[in-house]
Amino acid sequence: MRTRNDVAWDDVRIDVIAEGEGPLLVMLPSSARDSEDFDDVAARLAAAGFRVLRPQPRGMCGSSGPLEGLTLHDYAGDVARVIDAEGGGPAIVFGHAFGQWVGRMLAADHAKLVRGVVLAAAAAKKIDPGLREELNRCRDLSLPDSVRLSALRRAFFAPGHDPTPWLRNWHPAASRAQQAASAATPQHAWWSAGTAPILDLQAGSDPWRPRDTADDIRDELGAHRVTVVVIPDASHALLPEQPEAVVRAVVEWARGL
């Protein structure tokens, strides 16, 4: 059964979608998008025996709170509050694209709450600046759909996968806050994800993660911490492209923790 409730403190309110029973797994969405993107995969993970929580980032759906002067530490703190409200975990934290930055920050700041971190479609340390321009076109709701669909195909979806559903669920104001928070947080603060075990879940056709960088995180942080799984026929969106393969990889890795 899927439920929805708020976790609130001070002037912050986080809208949380929850389903399933079992070990705790928290899903964090990509830049400018809300966690309703995960409906299909979340249902599959719940059916596989997890208690799946999807906190909406500030400024999206029912979540609210200050959007000025934030860092990734603040976004990670919001997730920590949600895990605390659920009993303190520890949780597997599944972050997609930008969401895995928050997941890594959470593991660095709140290690006791994190059992492991899934980096779903994590970008390379250095990326082609042109991809950020394509992302800006994707989330610019003033542009024609044809322009945005072209940008989605280049930046998010592999050939043969329909990007049309991703014309929706963009949150420009929240996105600006996320961009500012990212710029205000040094990369080294979150990059290593503390000391948590990591599943580096890559898409085989992801322009944000060129194939010559496939082993970079494992080489830097150590094979004892990092498991690499590459899912073919998928790009940066990954989850809507290959939901079954994503769930299978997460379940197999989680069973080994």
C-alpha atoms as a PDB file:
ATOM      1  CA  MET A   1       0.000   0.000   0.000  1.00  0.00           C
ATOM      2  CA  ARG A   2       1.329   3.435  -0.965  1.00  0.00           C
ATOM      3  CA  THR A   3       0.833   6.248   1.542  1.00  0.00           C
ATOM      4  CA  ARG A   4       1.782   9.918   1.741  1.00  0.00           C
ATOM      5  CA  ASN A   5       2.606  11.962   4.822  1.00  0.00           C
ATOM      6  CA  ASP A   6       4.631  14.977   5.945  1.00  0.00           C
ATOM      7  CA  VAL A   7       7.729  15.187   8.112  1.00  0.00           C
ATOM      8  CA  ALA A   8       7.865  18.719   9.503  1.00  0.00           C
ATOM      9  CA  TRP A   9      10.093  20.811  11.765  1.00  0.00           C
ATOM     10  CA  ASP A  10      10.625  24.553  12.153  1.00  0.00           C
ATOM     11  CA  ASP A  11       9.718  26.099   8.771  1.00  0.00           C
ATOM     12  CA  VAL A  12      10.403  22.962   6.715  1.00  0.00           C
ATOM     13  CA  ARG A  13       7.858  20.414   5.573  1.00  0.00           C
ATOM     14  CA  ILE A  14       8.890  17.347   3.543  1.00  0.00           C
ATOM     15  CA  ASP A  15       6.277  15.411   1.596  1.00  0.00           C
ATOM     16  CA  VAL A  16       7.100  11.685   1.744  1.00  0.00           C
ATOM     17  CA  ILE A  17       5.678   8.860  -0.376  1.00  0.00           C
ATOM     18  CA  ALA A  18       6.046   5.496   1.382  1.00  0.00           C
ATOM     19  CA  GLU A  19       5.313   1.885   0.464  1.00  0.00           C
ATOM     20  CA  GLY A  20       6.347  -1.655   1.306  1.00  0.00           C
ATOM     21  CA  GLU A  21       7.772  -3.373   4.369  1.00  0.00           C
ATOM     22  CA  GLY A  22      11.308  -4.472   5.103  1.00  0.00           C
ATOM     23  CA  PRO A  23      14.761  -2.879   5.134  1.00  0.00           C
ATOM     24  CA  LEU A  24      14.618   0.864   4.563  1.00  0.00           C
ATOM     25  CA  LEU A  25      15.437   2.258   1.116  1.00  0.00           C
ATOM     26  CA  VAL A  26      15.228   5.989   0.378  1.00  0.00           C
ATOM     27  CA  MET A  27      15.010   7.280  -3.213  1.00  0.00           C
ATOM     28  CA  LEU A  28      16.211  10.777  -4.196  1.00  0.00           C
ATOM     29  CA  PRO A  29      15.338  12.279  -7.597  1.00  0.00           C
ATOM     30  CA  SER A  30      17.451  14.034 -10.183  1.00  0.00           C
ATOM     31  CA  SER A  31      17.909  17.778 -10.624  1.00  0.00           C
ATOM     32  CA  ALA A  32      14.698  19.803 -10.963  1.00  0.00           C
ATOM     33  CA  ARG A  33      12.496  16.693 -10.893  1.00  0.00           C
ATOM     34  CA  ASP A  34      10.334  15.164  -8.172  1.00  0.00           C
ATOM     35  CA  SER A  35      10.305  11.626  -6.861  1.00  0.00           C
ATOM     36  CA  GLU A  36       7.074  10.664  -8.627  1.00  0.00           C
ATOM     37  CA  ASP A  37       9.433   9.736 -11.461  1.00  0.00           C
ATOM     38  CA  PHE A  38      10.138   6.625  -9.399  1.00  0.00           C
ATOM     39  CA  ASP A  39       6.577   5.219  -9.223  1.00  0.00           C
ATOM     40  CA  ASP A  40       7.351   2.091 -11.244  1.00  0.00           C
ATOM     41  CA  VAL A  41      10.757   1.292  -9.742  1.00  0.00           C
ATOM     42  CA  ALA A  42       9.594   2.098  -6.201  1.00  0.00           C
ATOM     43  CA  ALA A  43       6.683  -0.328  -6.543  1.00  0.00           C
ATOM     44  CA  ARG A  44       9.036  -3.037  -7.817  1.00  0.00           C
ATOM     45  CA  LEU A  45      11.479  -2.450  -4.930  1.00  0.00           C
ATOM     46  CA  ALA A  46       8.634  -2.575  -2.417  1.00  0.00           C
ATOM     47  CA  ALA A  47       7.468  -5.865  -3.961  1.00  0.00           C
ATOM     48  CA  ALA A  48      11.043  -7.146  -3.589  1.00  0.00           C
ATOM     49  CA  GLY A  49      10.847  -6.629   0.180  1.00  0.00           C
ATOM     50  CA  PHE A  50      11.926  -3.063   0.948  1.00  0.00           C
ATOM     51  CA  ARG A  51      10.310  -0.222   2.850  1.00  0.00           C
ATOM     52  CA  VAL A  52      10.657   2.488   0.193  1.00  0.00           C
ATOM     53  CA  LEU A  53      10.536   6.193   1.091  1.00  0.00           C
ATOM     54  CA  ARG A  54      10.510   8.993  -1.461  1.00  0.00           C
ATOM     55  CA  PRO A  55      10.975  12.423   0.130  1.00  0.00           C
ATOM     56  CA  GLN A  56      10.177  15.259  -2.250  1.00  0.00           C
ATOM     57  CA  PRO A  57      12.891  17.946  -2.384  1.00  0.00           C
ATOM     58  CA  ARG A  58      12.027  21.393  -1.051  1.00  0.00           C
ATOM     59  CA  GLY A  59       9.819  23.356  -3.423  1.00  0.00           C
ATOM     60  CA  MET A  60       8.369  20.265  -5.104  1.00  0.00           C
ATOM     61  CA  CYS A  61       4.877  18.818  -4.649  1.00  0.00           C
ATOM     62  CA  GLY A  62       3.993  19.153  -0.933  1.00  0.00           C
ATOM     63  CA  SER A  63       7.501  19.952   0.308  1.00  0.00           C
ATOM     64  CA  SER A  64       8.323  23.473   1.417  1.00  0.00           C
ATOM     65  CA  GLY A  65      10.982  25.422   3.258  1.00  0.00           C
ATOM     66  CA  PRO A  66      13.566  28.128   2.657  1.00  0.00           C
ATOM     67  CA  LEU A  67      15.177  27.931  -0.779  1.00  0.00           C
ATOM     68  CA  GLU A  68      17.803  30.633  -0.337  1.00  0.00           C
ATOM     69  CA  GLY A  69      21.295  30.169   1.054  1.00  0.00           C
ATOM     70  CA  LEU A  70      21.203  26.367   0.956  1.00  0.00           C
ATOM     71  CA  THR A  71      24.024  23.873   0.510  1.00  0.00           C
ATOM     72  CA  LEU A  72      23.934  20.149  -0.135  1.00  0.00           C
ATOM     73  CA  HIS A  73      24.307  19.738   3.627  1.00  0.00           C
ATOM     74  CA  ASP A  74      20.782  21.192   3.988  1.00  0.00           C
ATOM     75  CA  TYR A  75      19.270  18.823   1.446  1.00  0.00           C
ATOM     76  CA  ALA A  76      21.016  15.889   3.123  1.00  0.00           C
ATOM     77  CA  GLY A  77      19.733  17.110   6.480  1.00  0.00           C
ATOM     78  CA  ASP A  78      16.168  17.010   5.153  1.00  0.00           C
ATOM     79  CA  VAL A  79      16.624  13.357   4.194  1.00  0.00           C
ATOM     80  CA  ALA A  80      18.194  12.599   7.577  1.00  0.00           C
ATOM     81  CA  ARG A  81      15.071  13.971   9.281  1.00  0.00           C
ATOM     82  CA  VAL A  82      12.906  11.664   7.171  1.00  0.00           C
ATOM     83  CA  ILE A  83      15.018   8.627   8.083  1.00  0.00           C
ATOM     84  CA  ASP A  84      14.918   9.614  11.761  1.00  0.00           C
ATOM     85  CA  ALA A  85      11.121   9.884  11.580  1.00  0.00           C
ATOM     86  CA  GLU A  86      11.007   6.333  10.202  1.00  0.00           C
ATOM     87  CA  GLY A  87      13.038   4.981  13.117  1.00  0.00           C
ATOM     88  CA  GLY A  88      16.581   5.930  12.237  1.00  0.00           C
ATOM     89  CA  GLY A  89      17.410   3.314   9.645  1.00  0.00           C
ATOM     90  CA  PRO A  90      20.091   2.677   8.636  1.00  0.00           C
ATOM     91  CA  ALA A  91      18.846   3.038   5.070  1.00  0.00           C
ATOM     92  CA  ILE A  92      20.054   2.217   1.637  1.00  0.00           C
ATOM     93  CA  VAL A  93      20.029   5.580  -0.135  1.00  0.00           C
ATOM     94  CA  PHE A  94      19.295   5.475  -3.862  1.00  0.00           C
ATOM     95  CA  GLY A  95      20.110   8.757  -5.591  1.00  0.00           C
ATOM     96  CA  HIS A  96      19.463   9.339  -9.278  1.00  0.00           C
ATOM     97  CA  ALA A  97      21.773  11.848 -11.037  1.00  0.00           C
ATOM     98  CA  PHE A  98      21.696  14.979  -8.810  1.00  0.00           C
ATOM     99  CA  GLY A  99      19.986  12.873  -6.136  1.00  0.00           C
ATOM    100  CA  GLN A 100      23.139  10.813  -5.683  1.00  0.00           C
ATOM    101  CA  TRP A 101      25.041  14.005  -4.789  1.00  0.00           C
ATOM    102  CA  VAL A 102      22.570  14.429  -1.919  1.00  0.00           C
ATOM    103  CA  GLY A 103      22.884  10.733  -1.057  1.00  0.00           C
ATOM    104  CA  ARG A 104      26.657  10.982  -0.886  1.00  0.00           C
ATOM    105  CA  MET A 105      26.399  14.124   1.232  1.00  0.00           C
ATOM    106  CA  LEU A 106      24.022  12.295   3.565  1.00  0.00           C
ATOM    107  CA  ALA A 107      26.484   9.399   3.933  1.00  0.00           C
ATOM    108  CA  ALA A 108      29.281  11.855   4.736  1.00  0.00           C
ATOM    109  CA  ASP A 109      27.261  13.924   7.227  1.00  0.00           C
ATOM    110  CA  HIS A 110      25.058  11.244   8.824  1.00  0.00           C
ATOM    111  CA  ALA A 111      26.993   7.993   8.498  1.00  0.00           C
ATOM    112  CA  LYS A 112      24.955   6.113  11.133  1.00  0.00           C
ATOM    113  CA  LEU A 113      21.777   6.586   9.089  1.00  0.00           C
ATOM    114  CA  VAL A 114      23.214   5.098   5.886  1.00  0.00           C
ATOM    115  CA  ARG A 115      23.705   1.400   5.178  1.00  0.00           C
ATOM    116  CA  GLY A 116      24.855   1.896   1.588  1.00  0.00           C
ATOM    117  CA  VAL A 117      24.554   4.330  -1.323  1.00  0.00           C
ATOM    118  CA  VAL A 118      23.344   3.624  -4.859  1.00  0.00           C
ATOM    119  CA  LEU A 119      24.771   6.057  -7.389  1.00  0.00           C
ATOM    120  CA  ALA A 120      22.249   5.755 -10.227  1.00  0.00           C
ATOM    121  CA  ALA A 121      23.558   7.418 -13.392  1.00  0.00           C
ATOM    122  CA  ALA A 122      26.315   9.291 -11.569  1.00  0.00           C
ATOM    123  CA  ALA A 123      28.117  11.732 -13.831  1.00  0.00           C
ATOM    124  CA  ALA A 124      31.876  11.734 -14.236  1.00  0.00           C
ATOM    125  CA  LYS A 125      33.911  14.135 -12.123  1.00  0.00           C
ATOM    126  CA  LYS A 126      34.334  16.374 -15.158  1.00  0.00           C
ATOM    127  CA  ILE A 127      31.660  16.602 -17.838  1.00  0.00           C
ATOM    128  CA  ASP A 128      31.075  18.241 -21.205  1.00  0.00           C
ATOM    129  CA  PRO A 129      29.650  21.738 -20.481  1.00  0.00           C
ATOM    130  CA  GLY A 130      27.331  21.273 -23.442  1.00  0.00           C
ATOM    131  CA  LEU A 131      25.365  18.714 -21.450  1.00  0.00           C
ATOM    132  CA  ARG A 132      24.457  21.363 -18.883  1.00  0.00           C
ATOM    133  CA  GLU A 133      23.142  23.506 -21.736  1.00  0.00           C
ATOM    134  CA  GLU A 134      20.959  20.599 -22.831  1.00  0.00           C
ATOM    135  CA  LEU A 135      19.724  20.175 -19.244  1.00  0.00           C
ATOM    136  CA  ASN A 136      18.817  23.863 -19.172  1.00  0.00           C
ATOM    137  CA  ARG A 137      16.731  23.375 -22.318  1.00  0.00           C
ATOM    138  CA  CYS A 138      14.987  20.345 -20.789  1.00  0.00           C
ATOM    139  CA  ARG A 139      13.815  22.314 -17.763  1.00  0.00           C
ATOM    140  CA  ASP A 140      12.990  25.561 -19.599  1.00  0.00           C
ATOM    141  CA  LEU A 141       9.201  25.321 -19.806  1.00  0.00           C
ATOM    142  CA  SER A 142       9.025  28.363 -22.101  1.00  0.00           C
ATOM    143  CA  LEU A 143      10.682  26.464 -24.965  1.00  0.00           C
ATOM    144  CA  PRO A 144       8.677  24.528 -27.570  1.00  0.00           C
ATOM    145  CA  ASP A 145       8.185  20.843 -26.808  1.00  0.00           C
ATOM    146  CA  SER A 146      10.143  19.945 -29.934  1.00  0.00           C
ATOM    147  CA  VAL A 147      13.252  21.737 -28.612  1.00  0.00           C
ATOM    148  CA  ARG A 148      12.925  20.181 -25.182  1.00  0.00           C
ATOM    149  CA  LEU A 149      12.387  16.688 -26.629  1.00  0.00           C
ATOM    150  CA  SER A 150      15.530  17.058 -28.712  1.00  0.00           C
ATOM    151  CA  ALA A 151      17.472  18.065 -25.589  1.00  0.00           C
ATOM    152  CA  LEU A 152      16.009  15.140 -23.647  1.00  0.00           C
ATOM    153  CA  ARG A 153      17.129  12.723 -26.341  1.00  0.00           C
ATOM    154  CA  ARG A 154      20.667  14.096 -26.279  1.00  0.00           C
ATOM    155  CA  ALA A 155      21.071  14.369 -22.510  1.00  0.00           C
ATOM    156  CA  PHE A 156      18.793  11.731 -20.982  1.00  0.00           C
ATOM    157  CA  PHE A 157      17.393   9.030 -23.272  1.00  0.00           C
ATOM    158  CA  ALA A 158      19.047   6.375 -25.394  1.00  0.00           C
ATOM    159  CA  PRO A 159      17.786   5.750 -28.963  1.00  0.00           C
ATOM    160  CA  GLY A 160      14.530   3.823 -29.010  1.00  0.00           C
ATOM    161  CA  HIS A 161      13.283   5.191 -25.674  1.00  0.00           C
ATOM    162  CA  ASP A 162      10.459   7.738 -25.552  1.00  0.00           C
ATOM    163  CA  PRO A 163      11.349  10.937 -23.645  1.00  0.00           C
ATOM    164  CA  THR A 164       7.834  12.437 -23.924  1.00  0.00           C
ATOM    165  CA  PRO A 165       6.781  11.696 -20.292  1.00  0.00           C
ATOM    166  CA  TRP A 166       9.752  13.788 -19.121  1.00  0.00           C
ATOM    167  CA  LEU A 167       8.256  16.939 -20.597  1.00  0.00           C
ATOM    168  CA  ARG A 168       6.422  17.053 -17.239  1.00  0.00           C
ATOM    169  CA  ASN A 169       7.530  17.123 -13.593  1.00  0.00           C
ATOM    170  CA  TRP A 170      10.070  19.950 -13.854  1.00  0.00           C
ATOM    171  CA  HIS A 171      10.257  22.471 -10.991  1.00  0.00           C
ATOM    172  CA  PRO A 172      12.162  25.606 -12.077  1.00  0.00           C
ATOM    173  CA  ALA A 173      12.251  27.457  -8.730  1.00  0.00           C
ATOM    174  CA  ALA A 174      13.393  24.379  -6.834  1.00  0.00           C
ATOM    175  CA  SER A 175      15.917  23.716  -9.584  1.00  0.00           C
ATOM    176  CA  ARG A 176      17.497  27.137  -9.126  1.00  0.00           C
ATOM    177  CA  ALA A 177      17.858  26.442  -5.407  1.00  0.00           C
ATOM    178  CA  GLN A 178      19.482  23.071  -6.136  1.00  0.00           C
ATOM    179  CA  GLN A 179      21.931  24.643  -8.572  1.00  0.00           C
ATOM    180  CA  ALA A 180      22.900  27.292  -6.033  1.00  0.00           C
ATOM    181  CA  ALA A 181      23.306  24.691  -3.279  1.00  0.00           C
ATOM    182  CA  SER A 182      25.533  22.588  -5.526  1.00  0.00           C
ATOM    183  CA  ALA A 183      27.708  25.579  -6.377  1.00  0.00           C
ATOM    184  CA  ALA A 184      27.983  26.469  -2.668  1.00  0.00           C
ATOM    185  CA  THR A 185      29.214  22.980  -1.689  1.00  0.00           C
ATOM    186  CA  PRO A 186      32.774  21.869  -2.547  1.00  0.00           C
ATOM    187  CA  GLN A 187      32.772  18.650  -4.534  1.00  0.00           C
ATOM    188  CA  HIS A 188      35.249  17.034  -2.153  1.00  0.00           C
ATOM    189  CA  ALA A 189      32.737  17.405   0.715  1.00  0.00           C
ATOM    190  CA  TRP A 190      30.372  14.814  -0.764  1.00  0.00           C
ATOM    191  CA  TRP A 191      32.306  12.924  -3.430  1.00  0.00           C
ATOM    192  CA  SER A 192      33.503  10.011  -1.284  1.00  0.00           C
ATOM    193  CA  ALA A 193      30.102   9.325   0.387  1.00  0.00           C
ATOM    194  CA  GLY A 194      31.845   8.992   3.731  1.00  0.00           C
ATOM    195  CA  THR A 195      32.840   5.349   4.146  1.00  0.00           C
ATOM    196  CA  ALA A 196      29.572   3.737   3.009  1.00  0.00           C
ATOM    197  CA  PRO A 197      29.434   0.812   0.563  1.00  0.00           C
ATOM    198  CA  ILE A 198      28.582   2.056  -2.936  1.00  0.00           C
ATOM    199  CA  LEU A 199      26.763   0.589  -5.926  1.00  0.00           C
ATOM    200  CA  ASP A 200      27.903   2.577  -8.980  1.00  0.00           C
ATOM    201  CA  LEU A 201      24.915   1.826 -11.220  1.00  0.00           C
ATOM    202  CA  GLN A 202      25.786   3.105 -14.674  1.00  0.00           C
ATOM    203  CA  ALA A 203      23.876   3.441 -17.931  1.00  0.00           C
ATOM    204  CA  GLY A 204      25.811   2.064 -20.853  1.00  0.00           C
ATOM    205  CA  SER A 205      24.941   4.954 -23.189  1.00  0.00           C
ATOM    206  CA  ASP A 206      25.109   7.831 -20.690  1.00  0.00           C
ATOM    207  CA  PRO A 207      26.870  10.915 -22.147  1.00  0.00           C
ATOM    208  CA  TRP A 208      27.353  12.202 -18.593  1.00  0.00           C
ATOM    209  CA  ARG A 209      29.473   9.111 -17.878  1.00  0.00           C
ATOM    210  CA  PRO A 210      31.775   8.342 -20.822  1.00  0.00           C
ATOM    211  CA  ARG A 211      32.878   4.720 -20.998  1.00  0.00           C
ATOM    212  CA  ASP A 212      36.502   5.622 -20.329  1.00  0.00           C
ATOM    213  CA  THR A 213      35.425   6.833 -16.859  1.00  0.00           C
ATOM    214  CA  ALA A 214      33.489   3.658 -15.983  1.00  0.00           C
ATOM    215  CA  ASP A 215      35.986   2.516 -13.341  1.00  0.00           C
ATOM    216  CA  ASP A 216      36.973   5.930 -11.993  1.00  0.00           C
ATOM    217  CA  ILE A 217      34.941   5.877  -8.768  1.00  0.00           C
ATOM    218  CA  ARG A 218      35.963   2.300  -7.954  1.00  0.00           C
ATOM    219  CA  ASP A 219      39.611   3.093  -8.692  1.00  0.00           C
ATOM    220  CA  GLU A 220      39.497   6.194  -6.481  1.00  0.00           C
ATOM    221  CA  LEU A 221      37.512   4.846  -3.524  1.00  0.00           C
ATOM    222  CA  GLY A 222      38.534   1.185  -3.652  1.00  0.00           C
ATOM    223  CA  ALA A 223      37.077  -2.078  -4.927  1.00  0.00           C
ATOM    224  CA  HIS A 224      36.317  -3.050  -1.314  1.00  0.00           C
ATOM    225  CA  ARG A 225      33.717  -0.257  -1.212  1.00  0.00           C
ATOM    226  CA  VAL A 226      32.494   0.169  -4.783  1.00  0.00           C
ATOM    227  CA  THR A 227      30.568  -2.311  -6.923  1.00  0.00           C
ATOM    228  CA  VAL A 228      30.150  -1.350 -10.585  1.00  0.00           C
ATOM    229  CA  VAL A 229      27.131  -2.490 -12.608  1.00  0.00           C
ATOM    230  CA  VAL A 230      26.565  -1.224 -16.161  1.00  0.00           C
ATOM    231  CA  ILE A 231      23.052  -1.448 -17.634  1.00  0.00           C
ATOM    232  CA  PRO A 232      22.999  -1.486 -21.444  1.00  0.00           C
ATOM    233  CA  ASP A 233      20.434   0.220 -23.680  1.00  0.00           C
ATOM    234  CA  ALA A 234      19.973   3.158 -21.300  1.00  0.00           C
ATOM    235  CA  SER A 235      21.144   6.732 -20.941  1.00  0.00           C
ATOM    236  CA  HIS A 236      21.083   9.255 -18.099  1.00  0.00           C
ATOM    237  CA  ALA A 237      17.353   8.820 -17.365  1.00  0.00           C
ATOM    238  CA  LEU A 238      18.033   5.101 -16.747  1.00  0.00           C
ATOM    239  CA  LEU A 239      15.065   4.230 -14.518  1.00  0.00           C
ATOM    240  CA  PRO A 240      12.237   4.700 -17.044  1.00  0.00           C
ATOM    241  CA  GLU A 241      14.425   3.063 -19.688  1.00  0.00           C
ATOM    242  CA  GLN A 242      15.397  -0.115 -17.808  1.00  0.00           C
ATOM    243  CA  PRO A 243      13.336  -0.434 -14.604  1.00  0.00           C
ATOM    244  CA  GLU A 244      13.612  -4.222 -14.293  1.00  0.00           C
ATOM    245  CA  ALA A 245      17.394  -4.195 -14.683  1.00  0.00           C
ATOM    246  CA  VAL A 246      17.729  -1.361 -12.160  1.00  0.00           C
ATOM    247  CA  VAL A 247      15.705  -3.231  -9.540  1.00  0.00           C
ATOM    248  CA  ARG A 248      17.550  -6.482 -10.148  1.00  0.00           C
ATOM    249  CA  ALA A 249      20.940  -4.794  -9.678  1.00  0.00           C
ATOM    250  CA  VAL A 250      19.878  -3.010  -6.493  1.00  0.00           C
ATOM    251  CA  VAL A 251      18.325  -6.111  -4.925  1.00  0.00           C
ATOM    252  CA  GLU A 252      21.352  -8.306  -5.683  1.00  0.00           C
ATOM    253  CA  TRP A 253      23.777  -5.736  -4.287  1.00  0.00           C
ATOM    254  CA  ALA A 254      21.671  -5.034  -1.185  1.00  0.00           C
ATOM    255  CA  ARG A 255      21.540  -8.734  -0.312  1.00  0.00           C
ATOM    256  CA  GLY A 256      25.322  -8.707  -0.041  1.00  0.00           C
ATOM    257  CA  LEU A 257      25.552  -5.831   2.440  1.00  0.00           C
END
